[in-house]
Protein backbone atom coordinates (compact mmCIF):
# COMPACT_ATOMS: atom_id res chain seq x y z
CA MET A 1 -36.87 -17.90 -36.03
CA LYS A 2 -38.86 -14.73 -35.50
CA ARG A 3 -37.19 -11.41 -36.05
CA ARG A 4 -37.31 -10.38 -32.38
CA GLU A 5 -36.03 -13.79 -31.32
CA PHE A 6 -33.07 -13.42 -33.66
CA VAL A 7 -32.20 -9.98 -32.32
CA ARG A 8 -32.32 -11.20 -28.72
CA THR A 9 -30.22 -14.28 -29.50
CA ALA A 10 -27.60 -12.49 -31.57
CA GLY A 11 -27.35 -9.59 -29.13
CA GLY A 12 -26.99 -11.91 -26.16
CA ALA A 13 -24.30 -14.00 -27.79
CA THR A 14 -22.36 -10.90 -28.80
CA ALA A 15 -22.62 -9.46 -25.28
CA VAL A 16 -21.25 -12.70 -23.82
CA ALA A 17 -18.36 -12.72 -26.28
CA ALA A 18 -17.58 -9.06 -25.60
CA ALA A 19 -17.70 -9.60 -21.85
CA GLY A 20 -15.34 -12.55 -22.15
CA ALA A 21 -12.92 -10.59 -24.30
CA GLY A 22 -13.05 -7.65 -21.90
CA ALA A 23 -12.34 -9.90 -18.95
CA THR A 24 -9.41 -11.50 -20.76
CA GLY A 25 -7.98 -8.11 -21.69
CA THR A 26 -8.37 -6.83 -18.14
CA VAL A 27 -6.47 -9.75 -16.70
CA ALA A 28 -3.77 -9.39 -19.36
CA ALA A 29 -3.29 -5.72 -18.53
CA GLN A 30 -2.61 -6.32 -14.85
CA GLU A 31 1.18 -6.66 -15.12
CA LEU A 32 2.73 -3.86 -13.09
CA GLN A 33 5.64 -1.61 -13.99
CA PRO A 34 7.28 1.17 -11.98
CA VAL A 35 5.82 4.66 -12.35
CA TRP A 36 8.64 6.26 -14.34
CA PRO A 37 9.37 10.01 -14.45
CA SER A 38 8.03 11.69 -17.59
CA ALA A 39 11.53 12.23 -18.99
CA VAL A 40 12.09 8.46 -18.81
CA THR A 41 8.79 7.48 -20.42
CA GLY A 42 9.52 9.93 -23.25
CA ALA A 43 13.15 8.88 -23.68
CA ASN A 44 14.66 7.49 -26.87
CA LEU A 45 14.12 3.78 -27.63
CA GLY A 46 11.93 3.17 -24.57
CA THR A 47 12.72 -0.51 -23.97
CA TYR A 48 11.77 -2.09 -20.65
CA GLN A 49 13.43 -4.99 -18.81
CA ASP A 50 12.36 -6.60 -15.57
CA ALA A 51 15.63 -8.10 -14.37
CA ARG A 52 14.55 -8.87 -10.81
CA GLY A 53 16.02 -12.17 -9.73
CA GLU A 54 19.15 -11.66 -11.83
CA SER A 55 22.50 -10.96 -10.20
CA GLU A 56 23.99 -9.22 -13.25
CA VAL A 57 22.53 -7.19 -16.10
CA THR A 58 23.99 -5.14 -18.97
CA VAL A 59 22.77 -1.79 -20.25
CA GLN A 60 23.96 -0.60 -23.66
CA VAL A 61 25.11 3.02 -23.80
CA GLY A 62 24.71 4.46 -27.29
CA ALA A 63 21.95 2.10 -28.42
CA GLY A 64 19.35 2.54 -31.15
CA ASP A 65 19.76 3.55 -34.77
CA SER A 66 21.22 6.93 -33.88
CA GLY A 67 23.29 5.72 -30.92
CA LEU A 68 21.46 8.16 -28.63
CA ALA A 69 19.72 5.82 -26.21
CA PHE A 70 20.16 3.46 -23.30
CA ASP A 71 19.02 -0.15 -23.72
CA ALA A 72 17.21 -1.15 -21.57
CA THR A 73 15.82 2.37 -21.20
CA LYS A 74 13.72 1.32 -18.19
CA LEU A 75 15.27 -1.30 -15.91
CA TRP A 76 13.93 -2.93 -12.73
CA VAL A 77 16.39 -4.86 -10.53
CA ASP A 78 16.89 -6.12 -6.98
CA PRO A 79 19.27 -4.64 -4.42
CA GLY A 80 22.63 -6.33 -4.89
CA THR A 81 22.40 -6.55 -8.69
CA THR A 82 25.51 -5.53 -10.61
CA ILE A 83 24.70 -3.35 -13.61
CA THR A 84 27.31 -3.10 -16.34
CA PHE A 85 26.92 -0.09 -18.62
CA GLU A 86 28.65 -0.97 -21.88
CA TRP A 87 29.42 1.57 -24.61
CA THR A 88 28.54 0.65 -28.19
CA GLY A 89 30.80 3.28 -29.76
CA ASN A 90 27.85 4.84 -31.59
CA GLY A 91 26.37 8.33 -31.27
CA GLY A 92 29.48 10.12 -30.02
CA ALA A 93 30.78 10.41 -26.47
CA HIS A 94 28.40 9.44 -23.67
CA ASN A 95 28.30 9.20 -19.92
CA VAL A 96 25.90 7.99 -17.22
CA GLN A 97 24.86 10.50 -14.59
CA ASN A 98 22.08 10.71 -12.01
CA VAL A 99 19.40 13.37 -12.53
CA GLU A 100 17.10 12.52 -9.65
CA GLY A 101 16.67 9.55 -7.33
CA PRO A 102 18.53 7.49 -4.75
CA ALA A 103 21.11 5.70 -6.95
CA SER A 104 24.48 7.48 -7.19
CA LEU A 105 25.11 6.86 -10.88
CA ASP A 106 28.15 8.72 -12.23
CA SER A 107 30.47 7.27 -14.86
CA GLY A 108 32.59 10.42 -15.09
CA ASP A 109 33.53 12.29 -18.24
CA PRO A 110 31.87 11.32 -21.54
CA VAL A 111 33.67 8.67 -23.58
CA GLY A 112 33.02 7.30 -27.06
CA GLU A 113 35.18 4.18 -27.10
CA GLU A 114 33.37 0.97 -28.02
CA GLY A 115 33.59 -1.62 -25.26
CA ALA A 116 34.14 0.89 -22.45
CA THR A 117 32.25 -0.13 -19.30
CA TYR A 118 31.01 1.30 -16.03
CA GLU A 119 29.80 -1.02 -13.26
CA TYR A 120 27.34 -0.13 -10.55
CA GLU A 121 26.17 -2.48 -7.81
CA THR A 122 22.79 -1.58 -6.36
CA SER A 123 22.14 -1.67 -2.63
CA GLU A 124 19.31 -1.11 -0.18
CA GLU A 125 20.17 2.59 -0.25
CA ASP A 126 19.18 2.67 -3.93
CA VAL A 127 15.63 1.38 -3.40
CA GLY A 128 13.26 3.53 -5.40
CA ILE A 129 13.31 5.00 -8.89
CA THR A 130 16.30 6.87 -10.30
CA HIS A 131 16.23 9.02 -13.42
CA TYR A 132 19.59 9.30 -15.17
CA HIS A 133 20.85 10.68 -18.48
CA CYS A 134 23.80 11.25 -20.79
CA VAL A 135 24.92 14.80 -20.15
CA PRO A 136 26.04 15.66 -23.73
CA HIS A 137 22.78 14.31 -25.20
CA THR A 138 20.19 15.14 -22.56
CA ALA A 139 18.49 17.66 -24.86
CA VAL A 140 17.89 15.03 -27.55
CA GLY A 141 16.22 12.47 -25.28
CA MET A 142 19.04 10.26 -24.02
CA HIS A 143 17.43 9.53 -20.66
CA ALA A 144 16.73 6.33 -18.75
CA GLY A 145 15.35 4.99 -15.50
CA LEU A 146 16.48 2.50 -12.87
CA ALA A 147 14.03 0.96 -10.39
CA VAL A 148 15.47 -0.94 -7.44
CA GLY A 149 13.60 -3.18 -5.01
CA GLU A 150 9.92 -3.76 -4.34
CA ASP A 151 9.10 -0.68 -2.27
CA ILE A 152 8.29 1.54 -5.24
CA GLU A 153 5.15 2.95 -6.83
CA THR A 154 3.81 0.85 -9.70
CA GLU A 155 1.00 1.02 -12.27
CA SER A 156 -0.61 -1.28 -14.82
CA ALA A 157 1.53 -1.74 -17.90
CA GLY A 158 0.85 0.94 -20.47
CA GLY A 159 -0.27 3.53 -17.90
CA GLY A 160 -3.31 5.74 -18.26
CA GLY A 161 -5.60 3.33 -16.40
CA ASN A 162 -6.83 -0.14 -17.22
CA THR A 163 -8.51 -0.21 -20.63
CA GLY A 164 -8.08 -3.94 -21.20
CA TRP A 165 -5.94 -3.20 -24.28
CA PRO A 166 -2.20 -2.98 -23.44
CA GLU A 167 -0.12 -0.68 -25.62
CA ASN A 168 2.45 -3.29 -26.54
CA ILE A 169 1.68 -6.97 -26.14
CA ALA A 170 5.33 -7.90 -26.69
CA HIS A 171 6.35 -5.89 -23.63
CA VAL A 172 3.64 -6.96 -21.23
CA GLY A 173 3.41 -10.60 -22.22
CA VAL A 174 -0.23 -10.70 -23.37
CA PRO A 175 -1.13 -13.95 -25.15
CA LEU A 176 -2.03 -13.24 -28.76
CA HIS A 177 -5.23 -15.29 -28.60
CA ALA A 178 -6.74 -12.79 -26.15
CA HIS A 179 -6.65 -10.16 -28.85
CA TRP A 180 -8.22 -12.47 -31.40
CA VAL A 181 -11.08 -12.96 -28.95
CA GLY A 182 -11.53 -9.21 -28.71
CA ILE A 183 -11.47 -8.83 -32.50
CA ALA A 184 -14.03 -11.61 -32.85
CA ALA A 185 -16.28 -9.89 -30.32
CA MET A 186 -16.14 -6.59 -32.21
CA LEU A 187 -16.85 -8.41 -35.47
CA GLY A 188 -19.86 -10.06 -33.82
CA ILE A 189 -21.19 -6.70 -32.69
CA SER A 190 -20.83 -5.30 -36.21
CA LEU A 191 -22.61 -8.28 -37.77
CA THR A 192 -25.43 -7.95 -35.25
CA PHE A 193 -26.08 -4.39 -36.36
CA VAL A 194 -25.96 -5.37 -40.04
CA PHE A 195 -28.39 -8.27 -39.66
CA THR A 196 -30.68 -6.31 -37.35
CA PHE A 197 -30.92 -3.51 -39.91
CA TYR A 198 -31.55 -6.03 -42.73
CA LEU A 199 -34.28 -7.86 -40.83
CA LEU A 200 -36.02 -4.68 -39.72
CA LYS A 201 -36.10 -3.39 -43.28
CA TYR A 202 -36.58 -6.57 -45.32
CA GLY A 203 -37.75 -9.04 -42.70
CA GLU A 204 -40.85 -11.22 -42.41
CA SER A 205 -44.16 -10.10 -43.82
CA ALA A 206 -47.29 -10.07 -41.68
CA HIS A 207 -48.42 -13.31 -43.41
CA THR A 208 -45.22 -15.37 -42.95
CA GLY A 209 -46.04 -18.78 -41.56
CA HIS A 210 -49.72 -18.55 -42.63
CA GLY A 211 -49.57 -20.03 -46.07
CA GLY A 212 -48.44 -16.94 -47.91
CA SER A 213 -50.57 -13.99 -48.97
CA GLN A 214 -54.34 -14.15 -48.57
């Protein structure tokens, strides 16, 4: 195979592989999440749960290693879902209180007892995104978000536009093989450059294919 033929073939194959990997990544990144307030996206723990279709869901109050988080930190439910906030007993006394948004979350005074609960049933009046926090620990990042219903603003998982590479494949459900395809494509591109450089520098002589040197 002539040097130029090799370069065309290798480059074309790599381009096809890269295009396929990019397409796979783009499709994988299309899962939508609510557009959370910045205090929610920067909150402790940062777990996300799409609980639409479920009639009941539990949120831990005092989650994480330090006991200063809500789990799930970001929760999406339907109107009519009953949310049970359950205290872990860790991190001191906590409460649940609305900061901004339609849901009227208010568990009252902070409590630290393990097993304490506060129930809230969502309704059509709660449709939208609500930012809530623990009053005693708001300064240290104990914030969370509640999205209710379908009539809310959403974005591709990971935010910041569609790059084809989600931030966390465990959260957005990206099949692992899609990433192996992307890695293989990048490896192919790297090998193309290496072989192209080698052939340009040490490739065929002017007499190759003509019986050797004259």
